[in-house]
N, C-alpha and C. Protein backbone atom coordinates (compact mmCIF):
# COMPACT_ATOMS: atom_id res chain seq x y z
N MET A 1 59.85 3.57 -0.47
CA MET A 1 59.30 2.64 0.49
C MET A 1 57.97 3.17 1.05
N LYS A 2 57.88 4.50 1.26
CA LYS A 2 56.64 5.08 1.76
C LYS A 2 55.49 4.86 0.79
N ILE A 3 55.79 4.94 -0.49
CA ILE A 3 54.76 4.76 -1.50
C ILE A 3 54.21 3.34 -1.44
N LEU A 4 55.08 2.35 -1.28
CA LEU A 4 54.63 0.96 -1.18
C LEU A 4 53.79 0.73 0.07
N SER A 5 54.17 1.34 1.17
CA SER A 5 53.40 1.20 2.41
C SER A 5 52.01 1.81 2.25
N ARG A 6 51.95 2.97 1.65
CA ARG A 6 50.66 3.63 1.43
C ARG A 6 49.80 2.83 0.46
N LEU A 7 50.43 2.31 -0.57
CA LEU A 7 49.70 1.50 -1.54
C LEU A 7 49.14 0.24 -0.87
N ALA A 8 49.95 -0.42 -0.06
CA ALA A 8 49.49 -1.62 0.65
C ALA A 8 48.34 -1.29 1.59
N LEU A 9 48.41 -0.17 2.27
CA LEU A 9 47.35 0.25 3.17
C LEU A 9 46.07 0.55 2.38
N PHE A 10 46.21 1.21 1.26
CA PHE A 10 45.06 1.51 0.41
C PHE A 10 44.40 0.23 -0.10
N VAL A 11 45.20 -0.72 -0.57
CA VAL A 11 44.66 -1.99 -1.08
C VAL A 11 43.94 -2.74 0.04
N ALA A 12 44.51 -2.76 1.23
CA ALA A 12 43.87 -3.43 2.37
C ALA A 12 42.53 -2.78 2.70
N ALA A 13 42.48 -1.45 2.68
CA ALA A 13 41.23 -0.75 2.97
C ALA A 13 40.16 -1.05 1.92
N VAL A 14 40.55 -1.08 0.66
CA VAL A 14 39.60 -1.39 -0.42
C VAL A 14 39.07 -2.81 -0.26
N LEU A 15 39.94 -3.76 0.04
CA LEU A 15 39.51 -5.14 0.23
C LEU A 15 38.56 -5.26 1.41
N LEU A 16 38.83 -4.55 2.48
CA LEU A 16 37.97 -4.59 3.65
C LEU A 16 36.58 -4.03 3.32
N LEU A 17 36.54 -2.91 2.66
CA LEU A 17 35.27 -2.30 2.30
C LEU A 17 34.49 -3.16 1.31
N THR A 18 35.17 -3.75 0.35
CA THR A 18 34.52 -4.62 -0.62
C THR A 18 33.92 -5.84 0.07
N SER A 19 34.67 -6.42 0.99
CA SER A 19 34.20 -7.59 1.72
C SER A 19 32.95 -7.25 2.52
N CYS A 20 32.97 -6.12 3.20
CA CYS A 20 31.80 -5.70 3.99
C CYS A 20 30.60 -5.46 3.09
N ALA A 21 30.82 -4.88 1.94
CA ALA A 21 29.72 -4.60 1.02
C ALA A 21 29.09 -5.89 0.51
N ARG A 22 29.92 -6.90 0.20
CA ARG A 22 29.37 -8.17 -0.27
C ARG A 22 28.56 -8.84 0.81
N THR A 23 29.05 -8.85 2.05
CA THR A 23 28.32 -9.46 3.16
C THR A 23 27.01 -8.73 3.37
N SER A 24 27.06 -7.41 3.34
CA SER A 24 25.86 -6.61 3.50
C SER A 24 24.88 -6.89 2.37
N ASN A 25 25.39 -7.09 1.15
CA ASN A 25 24.55 -7.37 -0.01
C ASN A 25 23.78 -8.68 0.17
N LEU A 26 24.43 -9.73 0.68
CA LEU A 26 23.74 -10.99 0.92
C LEU A 26 22.69 -10.82 2.00
N ARG A 27 23.02 -10.09 3.05
CA ARG A 27 22.04 -9.85 4.12
C ARG A 27 20.84 -9.06 3.60
N THR A 28 21.10 -8.09 2.78
CA THR A 28 20.01 -7.30 2.20
C THR A 28 19.12 -8.17 1.33
N LYS A 29 19.73 -8.99 0.50
CA LYS A 29 18.96 -9.87 -0.38
C LYS A 29 18.20 -10.92 0.40
N GLN A 30 18.81 -11.48 1.45
CA GLN A 30 18.10 -12.53 2.19
C GLN A 30 16.86 -11.98 2.87
N ASN A 31 16.84 -10.68 3.14
CA ASN A 31 15.65 -10.06 3.72
C ASN A 31 14.47 -10.03 2.75
N LEU A 32 14.74 -10.27 1.47
CA LEU A 32 13.69 -10.29 0.46
C LEU A 32 13.08 -11.68 0.28
N VAL A 33 13.63 -12.67 0.99
CA VAL A 33 13.11 -14.03 0.91
C VAL A 33 12.06 -14.21 2.01
N SER A 34 10.90 -14.77 1.63
CA SER A 34 9.78 -14.93 2.56
C SER A 34 9.26 -16.36 2.53
N PRO A 35 8.67 -16.79 3.65
CA PRO A 35 8.05 -18.12 3.66
C PRO A 35 7.01 -18.25 2.55
N GLY A 36 6.99 -19.43 1.94
CA GLY A 36 6.03 -19.68 0.87
C GLY A 36 6.54 -19.39 -0.52
N GLN A 37 7.69 -18.72 -0.65
CA GLN A 37 8.22 -18.43 -1.98
C GLN A 37 8.68 -19.72 -2.66
N THR A 38 8.65 -19.71 -3.97
CA THR A 38 9.05 -20.87 -4.77
C THR A 38 10.55 -20.84 -5.06
N HIS A 39 11.03 -21.94 -5.63
CA HIS A 39 12.43 -22.00 -6.07
C HIS A 39 12.75 -20.84 -7.01
N GLU A 40 11.87 -20.61 -7.96
CA GLU A 40 12.11 -19.58 -8.97
C GLU A 40 12.21 -18.19 -8.33
N GLU A 41 11.37 -17.92 -7.34
CA GLU A 41 11.41 -16.62 -6.67
C GLU A 41 12.71 -16.44 -5.89
N VAL A 42 13.16 -17.49 -5.25
CA VAL A 42 14.43 -17.41 -4.51
C VAL A 42 15.59 -17.25 -5.48
N LEU A 43 15.57 -17.97 -6.58
CA LEU A 43 16.62 -17.83 -7.60
C LEU A 43 16.68 -16.40 -8.13
N ALA A 44 15.53 -15.78 -8.31
CA ALA A 44 15.49 -14.41 -8.81
C ALA A 44 16.11 -13.43 -7.82
N VAL A 45 16.00 -13.71 -6.52
CA VAL A 45 16.53 -12.81 -5.49
C VAL A 45 18.00 -13.11 -5.18
N LEU A 46 18.32 -14.38 -4.93
CA LEU A 46 19.65 -14.75 -4.45
C LEU A 46 20.56 -15.36 -5.51
N GLY A 47 19.98 -15.78 -6.63
CA GLY A 47 20.79 -16.43 -7.66
C GLY A 47 20.97 -17.91 -7.37
N THR A 48 21.87 -18.54 -8.09
CA THR A 48 22.13 -19.96 -7.96
C THR A 48 22.87 -20.24 -6.66
N PRO A 49 22.38 -21.20 -5.86
CA PRO A 49 23.08 -21.50 -4.61
C PRO A 49 24.41 -22.20 -4.86
N GLY A 50 25.32 -22.04 -3.93
CA GLY A 50 26.61 -22.71 -4.02
C GLY A 50 26.53 -24.16 -3.58
N ASN A 51 25.49 -24.50 -2.82
CA ASN A 51 25.34 -25.85 -2.29
C ASN A 51 23.87 -26.16 -2.16
N LYS A 52 23.46 -27.35 -2.62
CA LYS A 52 22.08 -27.83 -2.46
C LYS A 52 22.12 -29.19 -1.82
N GLN A 53 21.24 -29.39 -0.83
CA GLN A 53 21.12 -30.70 -0.20
C GLN A 53 19.64 -31.05 -0.14
N PHE A 54 19.33 -32.35 -0.30
CA PHE A 54 17.95 -32.81 -0.40
C PHE A 54 17.67 -33.94 0.58
N ASN A 55 16.43 -34.04 1.01
CA ASN A 55 15.95 -35.15 1.82
C ASN A 55 14.44 -35.26 1.63
N THR A 56 14.00 -36.26 0.91
CA THR A 56 12.59 -36.47 0.55
C THR A 56 11.96 -35.17 0.06
N ASN A 57 11.05 -34.57 0.84
CA ASN A 57 10.35 -33.36 0.39
C ASN A 57 11.01 -32.08 0.90
N GLN A 58 12.22 -32.19 1.41
CA GLN A 58 12.94 -31.02 1.96
C GLN A 58 14.20 -30.74 1.15
N GLU A 59 14.54 -29.45 1.10
CA GLU A 59 15.77 -29.02 0.46
C GLU A 59 16.39 -27.92 1.30
N ALA A 60 17.70 -27.81 1.24
CA ALA A 60 18.42 -26.71 1.87
C ALA A 60 19.38 -26.14 0.83
N TRP A 61 19.22 -24.87 0.52
CA TRP A 61 20.11 -24.18 -0.41
C TRP A 61 21.01 -23.27 0.40
N GLN A 62 22.32 -23.34 0.13
CA GLN A 62 23.26 -22.52 0.88
C GLN A 62 23.99 -21.54 -0.04
N TYR A 63 24.12 -20.34 0.46
CA TYR A 63 24.82 -19.24 -0.22
C TYR A 63 25.92 -18.74 0.71
N TYR A 64 26.98 -18.15 0.15
CA TYR A 64 28.03 -17.60 1.01
C TYR A 64 28.58 -16.29 0.47
N ASN A 65 29.15 -15.56 1.39
CA ASN A 65 29.98 -14.39 1.11
C ASN A 65 31.21 -14.50 1.97
N SER A 66 32.36 -14.19 1.40
CA SER A 66 33.57 -14.21 2.20
C SER A 66 33.77 -12.85 2.83
N GLY A 67 34.23 -12.86 4.06
CA GLY A 67 34.49 -11.63 4.79
C GLY A 67 35.90 -11.64 5.34
N VAL A 68 36.30 -10.56 5.92
CA VAL A 68 37.64 -10.45 6.48
C VAL A 68 37.84 -11.46 7.61
N SER A 69 36.80 -11.67 8.42
CA SER A 69 36.94 -12.54 9.59
C SER A 69 36.34 -13.93 9.37
N GLY A 70 36.10 -14.32 8.14
CA GLY A 70 35.58 -15.66 7.87
C GLY A 70 34.55 -15.66 6.76
N CYS A 71 33.80 -16.76 6.70
CA CYS A 71 32.79 -16.95 5.67
C CYS A 71 31.40 -16.86 6.28
N ASN A 72 30.53 -16.12 5.63
CA ASN A 72 29.15 -15.95 6.08
C ASN A 72 28.24 -16.74 5.16
N TYR A 73 27.38 -17.57 5.74
CA TYR A 73 26.50 -18.43 4.97
C TYR A 73 25.04 -18.14 5.28
N THR A 74 24.21 -18.27 4.27
CA THR A 74 22.76 -18.19 4.41
C THR A 74 22.19 -19.51 3.93
N VAL A 75 21.27 -20.09 4.71
CA VAL A 75 20.61 -21.34 4.34
C VAL A 75 19.13 -21.04 4.13
N VAL A 76 18.64 -21.39 2.94
CA VAL A 76 17.21 -21.27 2.63
C VAL A 76 16.65 -22.68 2.65
N TRP A 77 15.67 -22.90 3.53
CA TRP A 77 15.06 -24.21 3.71
C TRP A 77 13.75 -24.27 2.93
N PHE A 78 13.55 -25.35 2.21
CA PHE A 78 12.32 -25.58 1.46
C PHE A 78 11.63 -26.84 1.97
N THR A 79 10.33 -26.80 2.08
CA THR A 79 9.50 -27.98 2.32
C THR A 79 8.44 -27.99 1.24
N ASP A 80 8.33 -29.11 0.53
CA ASP A 80 7.40 -29.22 -0.60
C ASP A 80 7.57 -28.08 -1.60
N GLN A 81 8.85 -27.74 -1.88
CA GLN A 81 9.24 -26.75 -2.89
C GLN A 81 8.85 -25.31 -2.55
N LYS A 82 8.57 -25.04 -1.28
CA LYS A 82 8.26 -23.68 -0.83
C LYS A 82 9.19 -23.33 0.33
N VAL A 83 9.60 -22.07 0.42
CA VAL A 83 10.46 -21.64 1.52
C VAL A 83 9.74 -21.87 2.85
N SER A 84 10.44 -22.56 3.75
CA SER A 84 9.88 -22.81 5.08
C SER A 84 10.68 -22.13 6.19
N ALA A 85 11.94 -21.81 5.93
CA ALA A 85 12.77 -21.14 6.93
C ALA A 85 14.02 -20.57 6.26
N LEU A 86 14.68 -19.70 6.98
CA LEU A 86 15.92 -19.09 6.51
C LEU A 86 16.77 -18.80 7.75
N ASN A 87 18.04 -19.15 7.68
CA ASN A 87 18.94 -18.78 8.76
C ASN A 87 20.35 -18.62 8.22
N SER A 88 21.27 -18.27 9.10
CA SER A 88 22.64 -18.04 8.66
C SER A 88 23.62 -18.52 9.72
N TYR A 89 24.87 -18.68 9.28
CA TYR A 89 25.95 -19.07 10.19
C TYR A 89 27.26 -18.54 9.65
N ARG A 90 28.29 -18.60 10.48
CA ARG A 90 29.62 -18.10 10.10
C ARG A 90 30.65 -19.18 10.39
N VAL A 91 31.61 -19.31 9.48
CA VAL A 91 32.77 -20.18 9.69
C VAL A 91 33.97 -19.26 9.71
N LYS A 92 34.66 -19.21 10.86
CA LYS A 92 35.76 -18.25 11.01
C LYS A 92 37.05 -18.71 10.36
N LYS A 93 37.35 -19.99 10.41
CA LYS A 93 38.62 -20.47 9.86
C LYS A 93 38.35 -21.32 8.63
N CYS A 94 38.39 -20.67 7.48
CA CYS A 94 38.16 -21.36 6.21
C CYS A 94 38.91 -20.61 5.12
N LEU A 95 39.78 -21.31 4.42
CA LEU A 95 40.56 -20.67 3.37
C LEU A 95 39.77 -20.43 2.09
N ASN A 96 38.80 -21.31 1.82
CA ASN A 96 37.97 -21.18 0.63
C ASN A 96 36.52 -21.44 1.03
N CYS A 97 35.71 -20.40 1.07
CA CYS A 97 34.33 -20.50 1.55
C CYS A 97 33.51 -21.54 0.80
N ALA A 98 33.82 -21.77 -0.46
CA ALA A 98 33.09 -22.75 -1.26
C ALA A 98 33.30 -24.17 -0.75
N ASN A 99 34.29 -24.37 0.11
CA ASN A 99 34.59 -25.71 0.64
C ASN A 99 34.17 -25.90 2.09
N CYS A 100 33.48 -24.95 2.68
CA CYS A 100 33.19 -25.02 4.11
C CYS A 100 31.70 -25.03 4.45
N TYR A 101 30.87 -25.44 3.52
CA TYR A 101 29.44 -25.54 3.82
C TYR A 101 29.23 -26.59 4.91
N LYS A 102 28.26 -26.33 5.78
CA LYS A 102 27.91 -27.33 6.79
C LYS A 102 27.01 -28.39 6.17
N GLN A 103 27.20 -29.62 6.62
CA GLN A 103 26.33 -30.71 6.21
C GLN A 103 25.00 -30.54 6.94
N ILE A 104 23.91 -30.65 6.22
CA ILE A 104 22.59 -30.47 6.82
C ILE A 104 22.22 -31.71 7.64
N ASN A 105 21.75 -31.48 8.86
CA ASN A 105 21.22 -32.54 9.71
C ASN A 105 19.70 -32.42 9.65
N TRP A 106 19.08 -33.26 8.86
CA TRP A 106 17.65 -33.15 8.58
C TRP A 106 16.80 -33.38 9.81
N GLU A 107 17.27 -34.14 10.77
CA GLU A 107 16.50 -34.38 11.99
C GLU A 107 16.35 -33.11 12.82
N LEU A 108 17.38 -32.28 12.81
CA LEU A 108 17.32 -31.03 13.58
C LEU A 108 16.65 -29.91 12.80
N GLY A 109 16.70 -29.97 11.49
CA GLY A 109 16.07 -28.93 10.67
C GLY A 109 16.72 -27.58 10.84
N PRO A 110 15.99 -26.49 10.56
CA PRO A 110 16.57 -25.15 10.60
C PRO A 110 17.13 -24.75 11.96
N SER A 111 16.71 -25.39 13.03
CA SER A 111 17.22 -25.02 14.36
C SER A 111 18.66 -25.43 14.57
N GLN A 112 19.22 -26.27 13.67
CA GLN A 112 20.58 -26.75 13.83
C GLN A 112 21.64 -25.68 13.64
N VAL A 113 21.32 -24.67 12.88
CA VAL A 113 22.29 -23.63 12.54
C VAL A 113 21.91 -22.36 13.30
N SER A 114 22.82 -21.89 14.11
CA SER A 114 22.51 -20.68 14.88
C SER A 114 22.79 -19.44 14.06
N THR A 115 21.96 -18.45 14.23
CA THR A 115 22.16 -17.16 13.57
C THR A 115 23.17 -16.36 14.38
N GLN A 116 24.18 -15.83 13.70
CA GLN A 116 25.20 -15.04 14.39
C GLN A 116 25.27 -13.65 13.83
């Protein structure tokens, strides 16, 4: 029984550390995104987004990492195919991060999502 308890504790620790590393990895990569970059430059840094939303000459690309305490999202905003803003948000209660993207409110723009 002790072996199973230790094994469960070890697995939990590994999962926690892996989750933190993935979140940190997205944060590190998002720091490489700058205003004025093109779609191709963002794809090279962050990869394919999990969610894309469009409105005339604007786009919002969303990326996520799952963490122990919820899902962490990064939104890259484009105007006329160039990065115009970047922000992030967290959803604490979500079983599958791929299903919890926020709907973009184009009237509010990047200010709609608070950085946490």
